[in-house]
Amino acid sequence: MARHNRDGNGADQSGFEYGVSYQPDWLKRVKVARQLEDGRQSTKTLFRNPTLGSEAEPGDRVRTRVTSTDQSLDFEVAVTDPQASIKRVRIAYVVTDEEGKTEEVEFILESQNEPEE
């Protein structure tokens, strides 16, 4: 039986704080990627599930929510994965700063699913 979501938090490379609500038996980690001013991309692990491996079946439908009050950012992704085959979900989110400038921030949700041999 799937367990209820847990709550975690983290900060990105720009110092913004985030909350993460996650399915403990599905989510492995959340990464965040931003474009730097010089054109390079910076990727940082925002949150890592402290549980080593899953303790129960994650269920067919799993939800992950990411919030950041600093950036007025709030989204939730629900994935139906009955065969436990999804490895990664990418979300491109547009944030707007106080001056009205927009920036695309990418979030990568990685699952604990192991490839079948």
PDB file of N, CA and C in Angstrom:
ATOM      1  N   MET A   1       0.849  -1.184   0.000  1.00  0.00           N
ATOM      2  CA  MET A   1       0.000   0.000   0.000  1.00  0.00           C
ATOM      3  C   MET A   1       0.890   1.241   0.000  1.00  0.00           C
ATOM      4  N   ALA A   2       0.545   2.191  -0.841  1.00  0.00           N
ATOM      5  CA  ALA A   2       1.326   3.423  -0.962  1.00  0.00           C
ATOM      6  C   ALA A   2       1.228   4.242   0.329  1.00  0.00           C
ATOM      7  N   ARG A   3       2.328   4.913   0.660  1.00  0.00           N
ATOM      8  CA  ARG A   3       2.349   5.765   1.850  1.00  0.00           C
ATOM      9  C   ARG A   3       2.010   7.199   1.463  1.00  0.00           C
ATOM     10  N   HIS A   4       1.593   7.979   2.447  1.00  0.00           N
ATOM     11  CA  HIS A   4       1.258   9.384   2.212  1.00  0.00           C
ATOM     12  C   HIS A   4       2.507  10.187   1.878  1.00  0.00           C
ATOM     13  N   ASN A   5       2.289  11.333   1.213  1.00  0.00           N
ATOM     14  CA  ASN A   5       3.407  12.199   0.862  1.00  0.00           C
ATOM     15  C   ASN A   5       4.127  12.721   2.098  1.00  0.00           C
ATOM     16  N   ARG A   6       5.405  12.956   1.930  1.00  0.00           N
ATOM     17  CA  ARG A   6       6.255  13.558   2.957  1.00  0.00           C
ATOM     18  C   ARG A   6       6.638  14.953   2.492  1.00  0.00           C
ATOM     19  N   ASP A   7       7.154  15.754   3.408  1.00  0.00           N
ATOM     20  CA  ASP A   7       7.579  17.116   3.084  1.00  0.00           C
ATOM     21  C   ASP A   7       9.070  17.268   3.311  1.00  0.00           C
ATOM     22  N   GLY A   8       9.710  17.965   2.383  1.00  0.00           N
ATOM     23  CA  GLY A   8      11.129  18.267   2.494  1.00  0.00           C
ATOM     24  C   GLY A   8      11.367  19.687   2.012  1.00  0.00           C
ATOM     25  N   ASN A   9      12.625  20.110   2.017  1.00  0.00           N
ATOM     26  CA  ASN A   9      12.944  21.454   1.535  1.00  0.00           C
ATOM     27  C   ASN A   9      14.376  21.505   1.036  1.00  0.00           C
ATOM     28  N   GLY A  10      14.700  22.609   0.377  1.00  0.00           N
ATOM     29  CA  GLY A  10      16.043  22.805  -0.147  1.00  0.00           C
ATOM     30  C   GLY A  10      16.176  24.198  -0.721  1.00  0.00           C
ATOM     31  N   ALA A  11      17.382  24.512  -1.171  1.00  0.00           N
ATOM     32  CA  ALA A  11      17.659  25.816  -1.772  1.00  0.00           C
ATOM     33  C   ALA A  11      18.382  25.602  -3.096  1.00  0.00           C
ATOM     34  N   ASP A  12      18.150  26.514  -4.042  1.00  0.00           N
ATOM     35  CA  ASP A  12      18.816  26.388  -5.334  1.00  0.00           C
ATOM     36  C   ASP A  12      20.088  27.224  -5.387  1.00  0.00           C
ATOM     37  N   GLN A  13      20.732  27.255  -6.554  1.00  0.00           N
ATOM     38  CA  GLN A  13      22.000  27.942  -6.730  1.00  0.00           C
ATOM     39  C   GLN A  13      21.884  29.457  -6.593  1.00  0.00           C
ATOM     40  N   SER A  14      20.670  29.993  -6.654  1.00  0.00           N
ATOM     41  CA  SER A  14      20.454  31.431  -6.476  1.00  0.00           C
ATOM     42  C   SER A  14      20.035  31.785  -5.057  1.00  0.00           C
ATOM     43  N   GLY A  15      19.931  30.782  -4.194  1.00  0.00           N
ATOM     44  CA  GLY A  15      19.571  31.011  -2.801  1.00  0.00           C
ATOM     45  C   GLY A  15      18.084  30.992  -2.515  1.00  0.00           C
ATOM     46  N   PHE A  16      17.242  30.698  -3.513  1.00  0.00           N
ATOM     47  CA  PHE A  16      15.805  30.626  -3.284  1.00  0.00           C
ATOM     48  C   PHE A  16      15.472  29.341  -2.528  1.00  0.00           C
ATOM     49  N   GLU A  17      14.566  29.454  -1.561  1.00  0.00           N
ATOM     50  CA  GLU A  17      14.134  28.323  -0.748  1.00  0.00           C
ATOM     51  C   GLU A  17      12.921  27.654  -1.390  1.00  0.00           C
ATOM     52  N   TYR A  18      12.865  26.324  -1.282  1.00  0.00           N
ATOM     53  CA  TYR A  18      11.779  25.543  -1.864  1.00  0.00           C
ATOM     54  C   TYR A  18      11.245  24.548  -0.857  1.00  0.00           C
ATOM     55  N   GLY A  19       9.969  24.246  -1.003  1.00  0.00           N
ATOM     56  CA  GLY A  19       9.343  23.148  -0.289  1.00  0.00           C
ATOM     57  C   GLY A  19       9.034  22.063  -1.307  1.00  0.00           C
ATOM     58  N   VAL A  20       9.163  20.799  -0.902  1.00  0.00           N
ATOM     59  CA  VAL A  20       8.887  19.668  -1.783  1.00  0.00           C
ATOM     60  C   VAL A  20       7.983  18.701  -1.035  1.00  0.00           C
ATOM     61  N   SER A  21       6.833  18.403  -1.613  1.00  0.00           N
ATOM     62  CA  SER A  21       5.939  17.371  -1.095  1.00  0.00           C
ATOM     63  C   SER A  21       6.084  16.191  -2.048  1.00  0.00           C
ATOM     64  N   TYR A  22       6.431  15.017  -1.520  1.00  0.00           N
ATOM     65  CA  TYR A  22       6.817  13.931  -2.411  1.00  0.00           C
ATOM     66  C   TYR A  22       6.346  12.570  -1.917  1.00  0.00           C
ATOM     67  N   GLN A  23       6.202  11.662  -2.852  1.00  0.00           N
ATOM     68  CA  GLN A  23       5.880  10.266  -2.556  1.00  0.00           C
ATOM     69  C   GLN A  23       7.182   9.585  -2.152  1.00  0.00           C
ATOM     70  N   PRO A  24       7.335   9.152  -0.894  1.00  0.00           N
ATOM     71  CA  PRO A  24       8.628   8.656  -0.418  1.00  0.00           C
ATOM     72  C   PRO A  24       9.116   7.384  -1.119  1.00  0.00           C
ATOM     73  N   ASP A  25       8.213   6.622  -1.705  1.00  0.00           N
ATOM     74  CA  ASP A  25       8.620   5.375  -2.345  1.00  0.00           C
ATOM     75  C   ASP A  25       8.824   5.526  -3.856  1.00  0.00           C
ATOM     76  N   TRP A  26       8.635   6.734  -4.394  1.00  0.00           N
ATOM     77  CA  TRP A  26       8.829   6.962  -5.826  1.00  0.00           C
ATOM     78  C   TRP A  26       9.954   7.953  -6.104  1.00  0.00           C
ATOM     79  N   LEU A  27       9.948   9.104  -5.426  1.00  0.00           N
ATOM     80  CA  LEU A  27      10.909  10.170  -5.737  1.00  0.00           C
ATOM     81  C   LEU A  27      12.287   9.873  -5.162  1.00  0.00           C
ATOM     82  N   LYS A  28      13.298  10.001  -5.997  1.00  0.00           N
ATOM     83  CA  LYS A  28      14.684   9.847  -5.558  1.00  0.00           C
ATOM     84  C   LYS A  28      15.290  11.213  -5.258  1.00  0.00           C
ATOM     85  N   ARG A  29      15.140  12.165  -6.200  1.00  0.00           N
ATOM     86  CA  ARG A  29      15.666  13.511  -5.981  1.00  0.00           C
ATOM     87  C   ARG A  29      15.012  14.498  -6.943  1.00  0.00           C
ATOM     88  N   VAL A  30      15.156  15.794  -6.598  1.00  0.00           N
ATOM     89  CA  VAL A  30      14.712  16.896  -7.448  1.00  0.00           C
ATOM     90  C   VAL A  30      15.940  17.745  -7.743  1.00  0.00           C
ATOM     91  N   LYS A  31      16.176  17.986  -9.027  1.00  0.00           N
ATOM     92  CA  LYS A  31      17.263  18.871  -9.436  1.00  0.00           C
ATOM     93  C   LYS A  31      16.649  20.131 -10.030  1.00  0.00           C
ATOM     94  N   VAL A  32      17.393  21.240  -9.950  1.00  0.00           N
ATOM     95  CA  VAL A  32      16.941  22.496 -10.541  1.00  0.00           C
ATOM     96  C   VAL A  32      18.061  23.008 -11.441  1.00  0.00           C
ATOM     97  N   ALA A  33      17.679  23.470 -12.638  1.00  0.00           N
ATOM     98  CA  ALA A  33      18.653  23.979 -13.604  1.00  0.00           C
ATOM     99  C   ALA A  33      18.278  25.407 -13.981  1.00  0.00           C
ATOM    100  N   ARG A  34      19.292  26.275 -13.999  1.00  0.00           N
ATOM    101  CA  ARG A  34      19.120  27.682 -14.382  1.00  0.00           C
ATOM    102  C   ARG A  34      20.199  28.062 -15.371  1.00  0.00           C
ATOM    103  N   GLN A  35      19.862  29.000 -16.256  1.00  0.00           N
ATOM    104  CA  GLN A  35      20.855  29.553 -17.179  1.00  0.00           C
ATOM    105  C   GLN A  35      21.624  30.647 -16.451  1.00  0.00           C
ATOM    106  N   LEU A  36      22.942  30.590 -16.535  1.00  0.00           N
ATOM    107  CA  LEU A  36      23.774  31.636 -15.947  1.00  0.00           C
ATOM    108  C   LEU A  36      23.910  32.793 -16.929  1.00  0.00           C
ATOM    109  N   GLU A  37      24.322  33.943 -16.432  1.00  0.00           N
ATOM    110  CA  GLU A  37      24.447  35.123 -17.283  1.00  0.00           C
ATOM    111  C   GLU A  37      25.429  34.920 -18.426  1.00  0.00           C
ATOM    112  N   ASP A  38      26.446  34.073 -18.220  1.00  0.00           N
ATOM    113  CA  ASP A  38      27.435  33.842 -19.279  1.00  0.00           C
ATOM    114  C   ASP A  38      26.971  32.797 -20.295  1.00  0.00           C
ATOM    115  N   GLY A  39      25.719  32.320 -20.172  1.00  0.00           N
ATOM    116  CA  GLY A  39      25.170  31.378 -21.134  1.00  0.00           C
ATOM    117  C   GLY A  39      25.274  29.919 -20.728  1.00  0.00           C
ATOM    118  N   ARG A  40      26.094  29.622 -19.734  1.00  0.00           N
ATOM    119  CA  ARG A  40      26.211  28.243 -19.263  1.00  0.00           C
ATOM    120  C   ARG A  40      24.993  27.880 -18.426  1.00  0.00           C
ATOM    121  N   GLN A  41      24.804  26.586 -18.248  1.00  0.00           N
ATOM    122  CA  GLN A  41      23.702  26.108 -17.417  1.00  0.00           C
ATOM    123  C   GLN A  41      24.257  25.581 -16.102  1.00  0.00           C
ATOM    124  N   SER A  42      23.574  25.904 -15.015  1.00  0.00           N
ATOM    125  CA  SER A  42      23.945  25.418 -13.691  1.00  0.00           C
ATOM    126  C   SER A  42      22.845  24.494 -13.195  1.00  0.00           C
ATOM    127  N   THR A  43      23.221  23.281 -12.794  1.00  0.00           N
ATOM    128  CA  THR A  43      22.267  22.317 -12.258  1.00  0.00           C
ATOM    129  C   THR A  43      22.679  21.968 -10.834  1.00  0.00           C
ATOM    130  N   LYS A  44      21.694  21.955  -9.945  1.00  0.00           N
ATOM    131  CA  LYS A  44      21.962  21.651  -8.544  1.00  0.00           C
ATOM    132  C   LYS A  44      20.888  20.704  -8.029  1.00  0.00           C
ATOM    133  N   THR A  45      21.298  19.796  -7.159  1.00  0.00           N
ATOM    134  CA  THR A  45      20.311  18.957  -6.490  1.00  0.00           C
ATOM    135  C   THR A  45      19.609  19.811  -5.454  1.00  0.00           C
ATOM    136  N   LEU A  46      18.314  19.966  -5.632  1.00  0.00           N
ATOM    137  CA  LEU A  46      17.497  20.785  -4.748  1.00  0.00           C
ATOM    138  C   LEU A  46      17.080  19.984  -3.515  1.00  0.00           C
ATOM    139  N   PHE A  47      16.737  18.716  -3.745  1.00  0.00           N
ATOM    140  CA  PHE A  47      16.243  17.866  -2.668  1.00  0.00           C
ATOM    141  C   PHE A  47      16.598  16.418  -2.977  1.00  0.00           C
ATOM    142  N   ARG A  48      17.025  15.688  -1.968  1.00  0.00           N
ATOM    143  CA  ARG A  48      17.295  14.253  -2.097  1.00  0.00           C
ATOM    144  C   ARG A  48      16.461  13.527  -1.050  1.00  0.00           C
ATOM    145  N   ASN A  49      15.748  12.504  -1.475  1.00  0.00           N
ATOM    146  CA  ASN A  49      14.926  11.706  -0.577  1.00  0.00           C
ATOM    147  C   ASN A  49      15.838  11.031   0.449  1.00  0.00           C
ATOM    148  N   PRO A  50      15.629  11.277   1.739  1.00  0.00           N
ATOM    149  CA  PRO A  50      16.504  10.679   2.755  1.00  0.00           C
ATOM    150  C   PRO A  50      16.294   9.177   2.939  1.00  0.00           C
ATOM    151  N   THR A  51      15.202   8.645   2.423  1.00  0.00           N
ATOM    152  CA  THR A  51      14.919   7.217   2.538  1.00  0.00           C
ATOM    153  C   THR A  51      15.736   6.457   1.513  1.00  0.00           C
ATOM    154  N   LEU A  52      16.443   5.441   1.952  1.00  0.00           N
ATOM    155  CA  LEU A  52      17.216   4.608   1.031  1.00  0.00           C
ATOM    156  C   LEU A  52      16.318   3.509   0.482  1.00  0.00           C
ATOM    157  N   GLY A  53      15.952   3.633  -0.788  1.00  0.00           N
ATOM    158  CA  GLY A  53      15.076   2.640  -1.406  1.00  0.00           C
ATOM    159  C   GLY A  53      13.642   2.798  -0.937  1.00  0.00           C
ATOM    160  N   SER A  54      12.764   2.043  -1.538  1.00  0.00           N
ATOM    161  CA  SER A  54      11.353   2.139  -1.171  1.00  0.00           C
ATOM    162  C   SER A  54      11.003   1.098  -0.122  1.00  0.00           C
ATOM    163  N   GLU A  55      10.079   1.460   0.747  1.00  0.00           N
ATOM    164  CA  GLU A  55       9.615   0.559   1.794  1.00  0.00           C
ATOM    165  C   GLU A  55       8.294  -0.096   1.409  1.00  0.00           C
ATOM    166  N   ALA A  56       7.612   0.505   0.436  1.00  0.00           N
ATOM    167  CA  ALA A  56       6.322  -0.006  -0.014  1.00  0.00           C
ATOM    168  C   ALA A  56       6.190   0.279  -1.501  1.00  0.00           C
ATOM    169  N   GLU A  57       5.188  -0.316  -2.117  1.00  0.00           N
ATOM    170  CA  GLU A  57       4.917  -0.014  -3.519  1.00  0.00           C
ATOM    171  C   GLU A  57       4.420   1.429  -3.604  1.00  0.00           C
ATOM    172  N   PRO A  58       4.934   2.223  -4.558  1.00  0.00           N
ATOM    173  CA  PRO A  58       4.533   3.624  -4.626  1.00  0.00           C
ATOM    174  C   PRO A  58       3.092   3.846  -5.080  1.00  0.00           C
ATOM    175  N   GLY A  59       2.450   2.866  -5.640  1.00  0.00           N
ATOM    176  CA  GLY A  59       1.098   3.047  -6.152  1.00  0.00           C
ATOM    177  C   GLY A  59       1.159   3.431  -7.622  1.00  0.00           C
ATOM    178  N   ASP A  60       0.015   3.342  -8.304  1.00  0.00           N
ATOM    179  CA  ASP A  60      -0.027   3.641  -9.731  1.00  0.00           C
ATOM    180  C   ASP A  60       0.115   5.131 -10.019  1.00  0.00           C
ATOM    181  N   ARG A  61      -0.337   5.967  -9.085  1.00  0.00           N
ATOM    182  CA  ARG A  61      -0.338   7.418  -9.310  1.00  0.00           C
ATOM    183  C   ARG A  61       0.446   8.079  -8.183  1.00  0.00           C
ATOM    184  N   VAL A  62       1.465   8.853  -8.575  1.00  0.00           N
ATOM    185  CA  VAL A  62       2.291   9.536  -7.580  1.00  0.00           C
ATOM    186  C   VAL A  62       2.259  11.037  -7.843  1.00  0.00           C
ATOM    187  N   ARG A  63       2.329  11.813  -6.770  1.00  0.00           N
ATOM    188  CA  ARG A  63       2.272  13.273  -6.872  1.00  0.00           C
ATOM    189  C   ARG A  63       3.516  13.883  -6.250  1.00  0.00           C
ATOM    190  N   THR A  64       4.025  14.918  -6.901  1.00  0.00           N
ATOM    191  CA  THR A  64       5.135  15.694  -6.362  1.00  0.00           C
ATOM    192  C   THR A  64       4.775  17.163  -6.516  1.00  0.00           C
ATOM    193  N   ARG A  65       4.930  17.921  -5.437  1.00  0.00           N
ATOM    194  CA  ARG A  65       4.626  19.354  -5.463  1.00  0.00           C
ATOM    195  C   ARG A  65       5.878  20.125  -5.068  1.00  0.00           C
ATOM    196  N   VAL A  66       6.149  21.203  -5.802  1.00  0.00           N
ATOM    197  CA  VAL A  66       7.290  22.068  -5.515  1.00  0.00           C
ATOM    198  C   VAL A  66       6.756  23.482  -5.341  1.00  0.00           C
ATOM    199  N   THR A  67       7.168  24.141  -4.247  1.00  0.00           N
ATOM    200  CA  THR A  67       6.731  25.511  -3.975  1.00  0.00           C
ATOM    201  C   THR A  67       7.930  26.378  -3.601  1.00  0.00           C
ATOM    202  N   SER A  68       7.824  27.657  -3.906  1.00  0.00           N
ATOM    203  CA  SER A  68       8.814  28.640  -3.474  1.00  0.00           C
ATOM    204  C   SER A  68       8.084  29.964  -3.268  1.00  0.00           C
ATOM    205  N   THR A  69       7.918  30.333  -2.016  1.00  0.00           N
ATOM    206  CA  THR A  69       7.254  31.591  -1.691  1.00  0.00           C
ATOM    207  C   THR A  69       8.032  32.772  -2.263  1.00  0.00           C
ATOM    208  N   ASP A  70       9.384  32.687  -2.202  1.00  0.00           N
ATOM    209  CA  ASP A  70      10.253  33.754  -2.712  1.00  0.00           C
ATOM    210  C   ASP A  70       9.953  34.099  -4.169  1.00  0.00           C
ATOM    211  N   GLN A  71       9.567  33.092  -4.960  1.00  0.00           N
ATOM    212  CA  GLN A  71       9.375  33.288  -6.402  1.00  0.00           C
ATOM    213  C   GLN A  71       7.919  33.169  -6.830  1.00  0.00           C
ATOM    214  N   SER A  72       6.984  33.066  -5.883  1.00  0.00           N
ATOM    215  CA  SER A  72       5.572  32.826  -6.186  1.00  0.00           C
ATOM    216  C   SER A  72       5.420  31.611  -7.098  1.00  0.00           C
ATOM    217  N   LEU A  73       6.183  30.564  -6.812  1.00  0.00           N
ATOM    218  CA  LEU A  73       6.212  29.354  -7.621  1.00  0.00           C
ATOM    219  C   LEU A  73       5.452  28.261  -6.885  1.00  0.00           C
ATOM    220  N   ASP A  74       4.572  27.574  -7.599  1.00  0.00           N
ATOM    221  CA  ASP A  74       3.790  26.498  -6.999  1.00  0.00           C
ATOM    222  C   ASP A  74       3.273  25.616  -8.124  1.00  0.00           C
ATOM    223  N   PHE A  75       3.723  24.371  -8.169  1.00  0.00           N
ATOM    224  CA  PHE A  75       3.181  23.433  -9.142  1.00  0.00           C
ATOM    225  C   PHE A  75       3.159  22.038  -8.541  1.00  0.00           C
ATOM    226  N   GLU A  76       2.277  21.222  -9.083  1.00  0.00           N
ATOM    227  CA  GLU A  76       2.183  19.831  -8.667  1.00  0.00           C
ATOM    228  C   GLU A  76       2.102  18.966  -9.920  1.00  0.00           C
ATOM    229  N   VAL A  77       2.864  17.888  -9.919  1.00  0.00           N
ATOM    230  CA  VAL A  77       2.861  16.941 -11.028  1.00  0.00           C
ATOM    231  C   VAL A  77       2.320  15.623 -10.512  1.00  0.00           C
ATOM    232  N   ALA A  78       1.349  15.075 -11.227  1.00  0.00           N
ATOM    233  CA  ALA A  78       0.824  13.750 -10.896  1.00  0.00           C
ATOM    234  C   ALA A  78       1.174  12.826 -12.059  1.00  0.00           C
ATOM    235  N   VAL A  79       1.803  11.712 -11.736  1.00  0.00           N
ATOM    236  CA  VAL A  79       2.245  10.762 -12.742  1.00  0.00           C
ATOM    237  C   VAL A  79       1.571   9.429 -12.493  1.00  0.00           C
ATOM    238  N   THR A  80       0.989   8.869 -13.533  1.00  0.00           N
ATOM    239  CA  THR A  80       0.449   7.520 -13.457  1.00  0.00           C
ATOM    240  C   THR A  80       1.490   6.600 -14.081  1.00  0.00           C
ATOM    241  N   ASP A  81       2.029   5.701 -13.277  1.00  0.00           N
ATOM    242  CA  ASP A  81       3.153   4.856 -13.693  1.00  0.00           C
ATOM    243  C   ASP A  81       2.943   3.423 -13.191  1.00  0.00           C
ATOM    244  N   PRO A  82       1.900   2.720 -13.689  1.00  0.00           N
ATOM    245  CA  PRO A  82       1.590   1.390 -13.158  1.00  0.00           C
ATOM    246  C   PRO A  82       2.682   0.348 -13.399  1.00  0.00           C
ATOM    247  N   GLN A  83       3.540   0.557 -14.388  1.00  0.00           N
ATOM    248  CA  GLN A  83       4.605  -0.408 -14.661  1.00  0.00           C
ATOM    249  C   GLN A  83       5.931   0.006 -14.028  1.00  0.00           C
ATOM    250  N   ALA A  84       5.934   1.086 -13.257  1.00  0.00           N
ATOM    251  CA  ALA A  84       7.135   1.590 -12.593  1.00  0.00           C
ATOM    252  C   ALA A  84       8.291   1.737 -13.588  1.00  0.00           C
ATOM    253  N   SER A  85       8.015   2.408 -14.713  1.00  0.00           N
ATOM    254  CA  SER A  85       8.995   2.543 -15.789  1.00  0.00           C
ATOM    255  C   SER A  85       9.511   3.961 -15.984  1.00  0.00           C
ATOM    256  N   ILE A  86       8.872   4.954 -15.378  1.00  0.00           N
ATOM    257  CA  ILE A  86       9.307   6.341 -15.556  1.00  0.00           C
ATOM    258  C   ILE A  86      10.559   6.584 -14.729  1.00  0.00           C
ATOM    259  N   LYS A  87      11.596   7.108 -15.366  1.00  0.00           N
ATOM    260  CA  LYS A  87      12.854   7.418 -14.698  1.00  0.00           C
ATOM    261  C   LYS A  87      12.940   8.886 -14.312  1.00  0.00           C
ATOM    262  N   ARG A  88      12.380   9.765 -15.155  1.00  0.00           N
ATOM    263  CA  ARG A  88      12.619  11.196 -14.976  1.00  0.00           C
ATOM    264  C   ARG A  88      11.473  11.990 -15.598  1.00  0.00           C
ATOM    265  N   VAL A  89      11.107  13.086 -14.922  1.00  0.00           N
ATOM    266  CA  VAL A  89      10.116  14.026 -15.439  1.00  0.00           C
ATOM    267  C   VAL A  89      10.750  15.406 -15.395  1.00  0.00           C
ATOM    268  N   ARG A  90      10.666  16.143 -16.507  1.00  0.00           N
ATOM    269  CA  ARG A  90      11.241  17.494 -16.580  1.00  0.00           C
ATOM    270  C   ARG A  90      10.118  18.513 -16.689  1.00  0.00           C
ATOM    271  N   ILE A  91      10.241  19.582 -15.907  1.00  0.00           N
ATOM    272  CA  ILE A  91       9.255  20.657 -15.906  1.00  0.00           C
ATOM    273  C   ILE A  91       9.986  21.966 -16.151  1.00  0.00           C
ATOM    274  N   ALA A  92       9.566  22.699 -17.166  1.00  0.00           N
ATOM    275  CA  ALA A  92      10.126  24.035 -17.424  1.00  0.00           C
ATOM    276  C   ALA A  92       9.117  25.041 -16.884  1.00  0.00           C
ATOM    277  N   TYR A  93       9.541  25.862 -15.940  1.00  0.00           N
ATOM    278  CA  TYR A  93       8.661  26.808 -15.240  1.00  0.00           C
ATOM    279  C   TYR A  93       9.204  28.219 -15.456  1.00  0.00           C
ATOM    280  N   VAL A  94       8.335  29.148 -15.810  1.00  0.00           N
ATOM    281  CA  VAL A  94       8.757  30.532 -16.021  1.00  0.00           C
ATOM    282  C   VAL A  94       8.459  31.338 -14.761  1.00  0.00           C
ATOM    283  N   VAL A  95       9.507  31.926 -14.180  1.00  0.00           N
ATOM    284  CA  VAL A  95       9.346  32.782 -13.007  1.00  0.00           C
ATOM    285  C   VAL A  95       9.591  34.228 -13.419  1.00  0.00           C
ATOM    286  N   THR A  96       8.939  35.141 -12.720  1.00  0.00           N
ATOM    287  CA  THR A  96       9.090  36.571 -12.975  1.00  0.00           C
ATOM    288  C   THR A  96       9.626  37.225 -11.717  1.00  0.00           C
ATOM    289  N   ASP A  97      10.699  38.018 -11.856  1.00  0.00           N
ATOM    290  CA  ASP A  97      11.268  38.688 -10.685  1.00  0.00           C
ATOM    291  C   ASP A  97      10.535  40.004 -10.409  1.00  0.00           C
ATOM    292  N   GLU A  98      10.986  40.711  -9.369  1.00  0.00           N
ATOM    293  CA  GLU A  98      10.334  41.961  -8.953  1.00  0.00           C
ATOM    294  C   GLU A  98      10.343  43.027 -10.039  1.00  0.00           C
ATOM    295  N   GLU A  99      11.305  42.964 -10.934  1.00  0.00           N
ATOM    296  CA  GLU A  99      11.435  43.961 -12.002  1.00  0.00           C
ATOM    297  C   GLU A  99      10.683  43.571 -13.268  1.00  0.00           C
ATOM    298  N   GLY A 100       9.987  42.429 -13.251  1.00  0.00           N
ATOM    299  CA  GLY A 100       9.223  41.975 -14.401  1.00  0.00           C
ATOM    300  C   GLY A 100      10.020  41.131 -15.381  1.00  0.00           C
ATOM    301  N   LYS A 101      11.274  40.842 -15.071  1.00  0.00           N
ATOM    302  CA  LYS A 101      12.122  40.017 -15.926  1.00  0.00           C
ATOM    303  C   LYS A 101      11.752  38.545 -15.719  1.00  0.00           C
ATOM    304  N   THR A 102      11.623  37.807 -16.826  1.00  0.00           N
ATOM    305  CA  THR A 102      11.268  36.395 -16.720  1.00  0.00           C
ATOM    306  C   THR A 102      12.499  35.518 -16.911  1.00  0.00           C
ATOM    307  N   GLU A 103      12.426  34.354 -16.294  1.00  0.00           N
ATOM    308  CA  GLU A 103      13.497  33.371 -16.386  1.00  0.00           C
ATOM    309  C   GLU A 103      12.870  31.984 -16.400  1.00  0.00           C
ATOM    310  N   GLU A 104      13.370  31.122 -17.269  1.00  0.00           N
ATOM    311  CA  GLU A 104      12.898  29.744 -17.291  1.00  0.00           C
ATOM    312  C   GLU A 104      13.770  28.909 -16.373  1.00  0.00           C
ATOM    313  N   VAL A 105      13.126  28.222 -15.446  1.00  0.00           N
ATOM    314  CA  VAL A 105      13.810  27.353 -14.497  1.00  0.00           C
ATOM    315  C   VAL A 105      13.324  25.936 -14.776  1.00  0.00           C
ATOM    316  N   GLU A 106      14.257  25.004 -14.874  1.00  0.00           N
ATOM    317  CA  GLU A 106      13.886  23.622 -15.151  1.00  0.00           C
ATOM    318  C   GLU A 106      14.041  22.785 -13.886  1.00  0.00           C
ATOM    319  N   PHE A 107      13.022  21.977 -13.621  1.00  0.00           N
ATOM    320  CA  PHE A 107      13.040  21.050 -12.494  1.00  0.00           C
ATOM    321  C   PHE A 107      13.052  19.632 -13.047  1.00  0.00           C
ATOM    322  N   ILE A 108      13.907  18.797 -12.502  1.00  0.00           N
ATOM    323  CA  ILE A 108      14.013  17.408 -12.927  1.00  0.00           C
ATOM    324  C   ILE A 108      13.650  16.532 -11.734  1.00  0.00           C
ATOM    325  N   LEU A 109      12.571  15.784 -11.871  1.00  0.00           N
ATOM    326  CA  LEU A 109      12.142  14.847 -10.835  1.00  0.00           C
ATOM    327  C   LEU A 109      12.643  13.470 -11.246  1.00  0.00           C
ATOM    328  N   GLU A 110      13.474  12.856 -10.432  1.00  0.00           N
ATOM    329  CA  GLU A 110      14.006  11.532 -10.739  1.00  0.00           C
ATOM    330  C   GLU A 110      13.373  10.504  -9.824  1.00  0.00           C
ATOM    331  N   SER A 111      12.955   9.385 -10.423  1.00  0.00           N
ATOM    332  CA  SER A 111      12.308   8.346  -9.641  1.00  0.00           C
ATOM    333  C   SER A 111      13.319   7.336  -9.118  1.00  0.00           C
ATOM    334  N   GLN A 112      12.858   6.497  -8.221  1.00  0.00           N
ATOM    335  CA  GLN A 112      13.687   5.416  -7.687  1.00  0.00           C
ATOM    336  C   GLN A 112      13.579   4.157  -8.539  1.00  0.00           C
ATOM    337  N   ASN A 113      12.786   4.228  -9.612  1.00  0.00           N
ATOM    338  CA  ASN A 113      12.593   3.051 -10.467  1.00  0.00           C
ATOM    339  C   ASN A 113      13.919   2.585 -11.043  1.00  0.00           C
ATOM    340  N   GLU A 114      14.172   1.329 -10.932  1.00  0.00           N
ATOM    341  CA  GLU A 114      15.384   0.736 -11.489  1.00  0.00           C
ATOM    342  C   GLU A 114      15.025   0.078 -12.813  1.00  0.00           C
ATOM    343  N   PRO A 115      15.904   0.174 -13.800  1.00  0.00           N
ATOM    344  CA  PRO A 115      15.597  -0.472 -15.093  1.00  0.00           C
ATOM    345  C   PRO A 115      15.519  -1.991 -14.940  1.00  0.00           C
ATOM    346  N   GLU A 116      14.585  -2.574 -15.659  1.00  0.00           N
ATOM    347  CA  GLU A 116      14.430  -4.037 -15.624  1.00  0.00           C
ATOM    348  C   GLU A 116      15.520  -4.671 -16.478  1.00  0.00           C
ATOM    349  N   GLU A 117      16.026  -5.791 -16.037  1.00  0.00           N
ATOM    350  CA  GLU A 117      17.087  -6.474 -16.786  1.00  0.00           C
ATOM    351  C   GLU A 117      16.548  -7.654 -17.536  1.00  0.00           C
TER     352      GLU A 117
END
